[in-house]
Amino acid sequence: MNQSAAGKRWIVEDRYGHPIYLTQERWDHITADTNHPELKSYEEYLKITLKKGQRRQEPLNPRKYRYLHRFDDLPDDINYMVVIVLFGFDVDEKGQTIPNNFVATSFFKHISKR
């Protein structure tokens, strides 16, 4: 299946080798005026966060991971990008189990040093 047919904007691998994709639908949702329109110019930062960021599994949903990466050139006093990824599996046309890991949302956050 090609990326455009599946509605995927892109696929990257995180630092652990897991493929993660972003769909056009999710990007439109993230950057909607009612959500996080400030991210429209930061799509490359989202990819960097997935490729290089720290990853933490959410305790209440073991399929959900929070990726964090610090950037020094974000707007205002914001210093981190956060990307939420849902991990799962799918079955391809040959009956093989394949990863199905996708970006659910993303946002900026200020994290103070402790």
C-alpha atoms as a PDB file:
ATOM      1  CA  MET A   1       0.000   0.000   0.000  1.00  0.00           C
ATOM      2  CA  ASN A   2       1.514   3.367  -0.914  1.00  0.00           C
ATOM      3  CA  GLN A   3       1.600   6.237   1.556  1.00  0.00           C
ATOM      4  CA  SER A   4      -0.818   8.507  -0.320  1.00  0.00           C
ATOM      5  CA  ALA A   5      -3.405   5.744  -0.672  1.00  0.00           C
ATOM      6  CA  ALA A   6      -3.324   5.228   3.073  1.00  0.00           C
ATOM      7  CA  GLY A   7      -3.514   8.992   3.742  1.00  0.00           C
ATOM      8  CA  LYS A   8      -0.036   9.014   5.271  1.00  0.00           C
ATOM      9  CA  ARG A   9       1.978  12.227   5.059  1.00  0.00           C
ATOM     10  CA  TRP A  10       5.197  10.468   6.078  1.00  0.00           C
ATOM     11  CA  ILE A  11       6.767   7.620   8.030  1.00  0.00           C
ATOM     12  CA  VAL A  12       9.858   7.925  10.256  1.00  0.00           C
ATOM     13  CA  GLU A  13      11.653   5.510  12.562  1.00  0.00           C
ATOM     14  CA  ASP A  14      12.106   6.420  16.197  1.00  0.00           C
ATOM     15  CA  ARG A  15      15.467   5.915  17.897  1.00  0.00           C
ATOM     16  CA  TYR A  16      14.455   2.317  18.687  1.00  0.00           C
ATOM     17  CA  GLY A  17      13.680   1.444  15.054  1.00  0.00           C
ATOM     18  CA  HIS A  18       9.873   1.567  15.321  1.00  0.00           C
ATOM     19  CA  PRO A  19       8.128   2.941  12.217  1.00  0.00           C
ATOM     20  CA  ILE A  20       5.695   5.761  13.073  1.00  0.00           C
ATOM     21  CA  TYR A  21       3.458   7.563  10.608  1.00  0.00           C
ATOM     22  CA  LEU A  22       1.417  10.749  10.505  1.00  0.00           C
ATOM     23  CA  THR A  23      -1.791  10.841   8.479  1.00  0.00           C
ATOM     24  CA  GLN A  24      -3.180  13.904   6.757  1.00  0.00           C
ATOM     25  CA  GLU A  25      -6.284  13.600   8.953  1.00  0.00           C
ATOM     26  CA  ARG A  26      -4.221  13.735  12.168  1.00  0.00           C
ATOM     27  CA  TRP A  27      -2.126  16.652  10.879  1.00  0.00           C
ATOM     28  CA  ASP A  28      -5.297  18.579   9.988  1.00  0.00           C
ATOM     29  CA  HIS A  29      -6.667  17.827  13.475  1.00  0.00           C
ATOM     30  CA  ILE A  30      -3.454  18.866  15.263  1.00  0.00           C
ATOM     31  CA  THR A  31      -3.105  22.139  13.351  1.00  0.00           C
ATOM     32  CA  ALA A  32      -6.799  23.074  13.364  1.00  0.00           C
ATOM     33  CA  ASP A  33      -7.571  26.585  14.633  1.00  0.00           C
ATOM     34  CA  THR A  34      -9.315  25.074  17.678  1.00  0.00           C
ATOM     35  CA  ASN A  35      -6.316  22.866  18.596  1.00  0.00           C
ATOM     36  CA  HIS A  36      -2.665  23.751  17.932  1.00  0.00           C
ATOM     37  CA  PRO A  37      -2.416  25.968  14.826  1.00  0.00           C
ATOM     38  CA  GLU A  38       0.961  27.209  16.108  1.00  0.00           C
ATOM     39  CA  LEU A  39       2.452  23.844  15.051  1.00  0.00           C
ATOM     40  CA  LYS A  40       1.834  24.452  11.315  1.00  0.00           C
ATOM     41  CA  SER A  41       5.427  25.672  10.819  1.00  0.00           C
ATOM     42  CA  TYR A  42       6.960  22.945  13.000  1.00  0.00           C
ATOM     43  CA  GLU A  43       6.248  19.663  11.183  1.00  0.00           C
ATOM     44  CA  GLU A  44       9.986  18.946  10.843  1.00  0.00           C
ATOM     45  CA  TYR A  45      10.336  19.407  14.624  1.00  0.00           C
ATOM     46  CA  LEU A  46       7.669  16.745  15.088  1.00  0.00           C
ATOM     47  CA  LYS A  47       9.777  14.325  13.012  1.00  0.00           C
ATOM     48  CA  ILE A  48      12.922  15.206  14.993  1.00  0.00           C
ATOM     49  CA  THR A  49      11.037  14.614  18.252  1.00  0.00           C
ATOM     50  CA  LEU A  50      10.106  11.125  17.097  1.00  0.00           C
ATOM     51  CA  LYS A  51      13.597  10.328  15.791  1.00  0.00           C
ATOM     52  CA  LYS A  52      15.636  11.699  18.705  1.00  0.00           C
ATOM     53  CA  GLY A  53      13.331  12.438  21.625  1.00  0.00           C
ATOM     54  CA  GLN A  54      12.902  10.730  24.958  1.00  0.00           C
ATOM     55  CA  ARG A  55      10.050   8.238  25.062  1.00  0.00           C
ATOM     56  CA  ARG A  56       7.832   7.358  28.003  1.00  0.00           C
ATOM     57  CA  GLN A  57       5.066   4.785  28.099  1.00  0.00           C
ATOM     58  CA  GLU A  58       1.794   6.021  29.568  1.00  0.00           C
ATOM     59  CA  PRO A  59       0.984   4.002  32.713  1.00  0.00           C
ATOM     60  CA  LEU A  60      -2.778   3.768  32.116  1.00  0.00           C
ATOM     61  CA  ASN A  61      -2.532   2.856  28.425  1.00  0.00           C
ATOM     62  CA  PRO A  62       0.463   0.662  27.536  1.00  0.00           C
ATOM     63  CA  ARG A  63      -0.123   1.305  23.802  1.00  0.00           C
ATOM     64  CA  LYS A  64       0.380   5.068  24.273  1.00  0.00           C
ATOM     65  CA  TYR A  65       3.828   6.666  24.274  1.00  0.00           C
ATOM     66  CA  ARG A  66       4.790  10.286  24.918  1.00  0.00           C
ATOM     67  CA  TYR A  67       7.831  11.541  23.006  1.00  0.00           C
ATOM     68  CA  LEU A  68       9.575  14.701  24.265  1.00  0.00           C
ATOM     69  CA  HIS A  69      12.336  16.736  22.706  1.00  0.00           C
ATOM     70  CA  ARG A  70      13.836  20.049  23.795  1.00  0.00           C
ATOM     71  CA  PHE A  71      14.252  22.850  21.263  1.00  0.00           C
ATOM     72  CA  ASP A  72      15.824  26.236  21.984  1.00  0.00           C
ATOM     73  CA  ASP A  73      14.071  28.135  19.182  1.00  0.00           C
ATOM     74  CA  LEU A  74      10.368  27.545  19.891  1.00  0.00           C
ATOM     75  CA  PRO A  75       7.996  30.524  20.295  1.00  0.00           C
ATOM     76  CA  ASP A  76       7.554  32.413  23.566  1.00  0.00           C
ATOM     77  CA  ASP A  77       8.905  30.539  26.596  1.00  0.00           C
ATOM     78  CA  ILE A  78       8.073  27.114  25.136  1.00  0.00           C
ATOM     79  CA  ASN A  79      11.000  24.680  25.185  1.00  0.00           C
ATOM     80  CA  TYR A  80       9.620  21.203  24.352  1.00  0.00           C
ATOM     81  CA  MET A  81       7.618  19.528  21.663  1.00  0.00           C
ATOM     82  CA  VAL A  82       5.443  16.617  22.811  1.00  0.00           C
ATOM     83  CA  VAL A  83       4.178  13.949  20.423  1.00  0.00           C
ATOM     84  CA  ILE A  84       1.678  11.283  21.469  1.00  0.00           C
ATOM     85  CA  VAL A  85       1.949   7.998  19.540  1.00  0.00           C
ATOM     86  CA  LEU A  86      -0.361   5.000  19.674  1.00  0.00           C
ATOM     87  CA  PHE A  87       1.363   1.669  19.022  1.00  0.00           C
ATOM     88  CA  GLY A  88      -0.453  -1.288  17.550  1.00  0.00           C
ATOM     89  CA  PHE A  89      -0.446  -3.971  14.891  1.00  0.00           C
ATOM     90  CA  ASP A  90      -2.283  -4.652  11.665  1.00  0.00           C
ATOM     91  CA  VAL A  91      -2.377  -7.556   9.227  1.00  0.00           C
ATOM     92  CA  ASP A  92      -1.194  -7.033   5.663  1.00  0.00           C
ATOM     93  CA  GLU A  93      -2.676  -8.571   2.511  1.00  0.00           C
ATOM     94  CA  LYS A  94      -0.419 -11.631   2.981  1.00  0.00           C
ATOM     95  CA  GLY A  95      -1.694 -12.238   6.517  1.00  0.00           C
ATOM     96  CA  GLN A  96       1.545 -11.016   8.114  1.00  0.00           C
ATOM     97  CA  THR A  97       1.457  -8.988  11.312  1.00  0.00           C
ATOM     98  CA  ILE A  98       2.899  -5.511  10.726  1.00  0.00           C
ATOM     99  CA  PRO A  99       3.402  -2.477  12.992  1.00  0.00           C
ATOM    100  CA  ASN A 100       0.686   0.177  13.026  1.00  0.00           C
ATOM    101  CA  ASN A 101       2.168   3.040  15.046  1.00  0.00           C
ATOM    102  CA  PHE A 102       0.747   6.493  14.437  1.00  0.00           C
ATOM    103  CA  VAL A 103       0.858  10.054  15.740  1.00  0.00           C
ATOM    104  CA  ALA A 104      -2.342  10.811  17.641  1.00  0.00           C
ATOM    105  CA  THR A 105      -1.531  14.415  18.570  1.00  0.00           C
ATOM    106  CA  SER A 106       1.263  16.866  19.262  1.00  0.00           C
ATOM    107  CA  PHE A 107       1.690  20.105  21.181  1.00  0.00           C
ATOM    108  CA  PHE A 108       4.233  22.504  22.687  1.00  0.00           C
ATOM    109  CA  LYS A 109       5.002  22.554  26.386  1.00  0.00           C
ATOM    110  CA  HIS A 110       7.185  24.526  28.779  1.00  0.00           C
ATOM    111  CA  ILE A 111       9.089  22.271  31.161  1.00  0.00           C
ATOM    112  CA  SER A 112      11.061  23.950  33.950  1.00  0.00           C
ATOM    113  CA  LYS A 113      14.310  22.597  35.270  1.00  0.00           C
ATOM    114  CA  ARG A 114      13.900  21.035  38.704  1.00  0.00           C
END
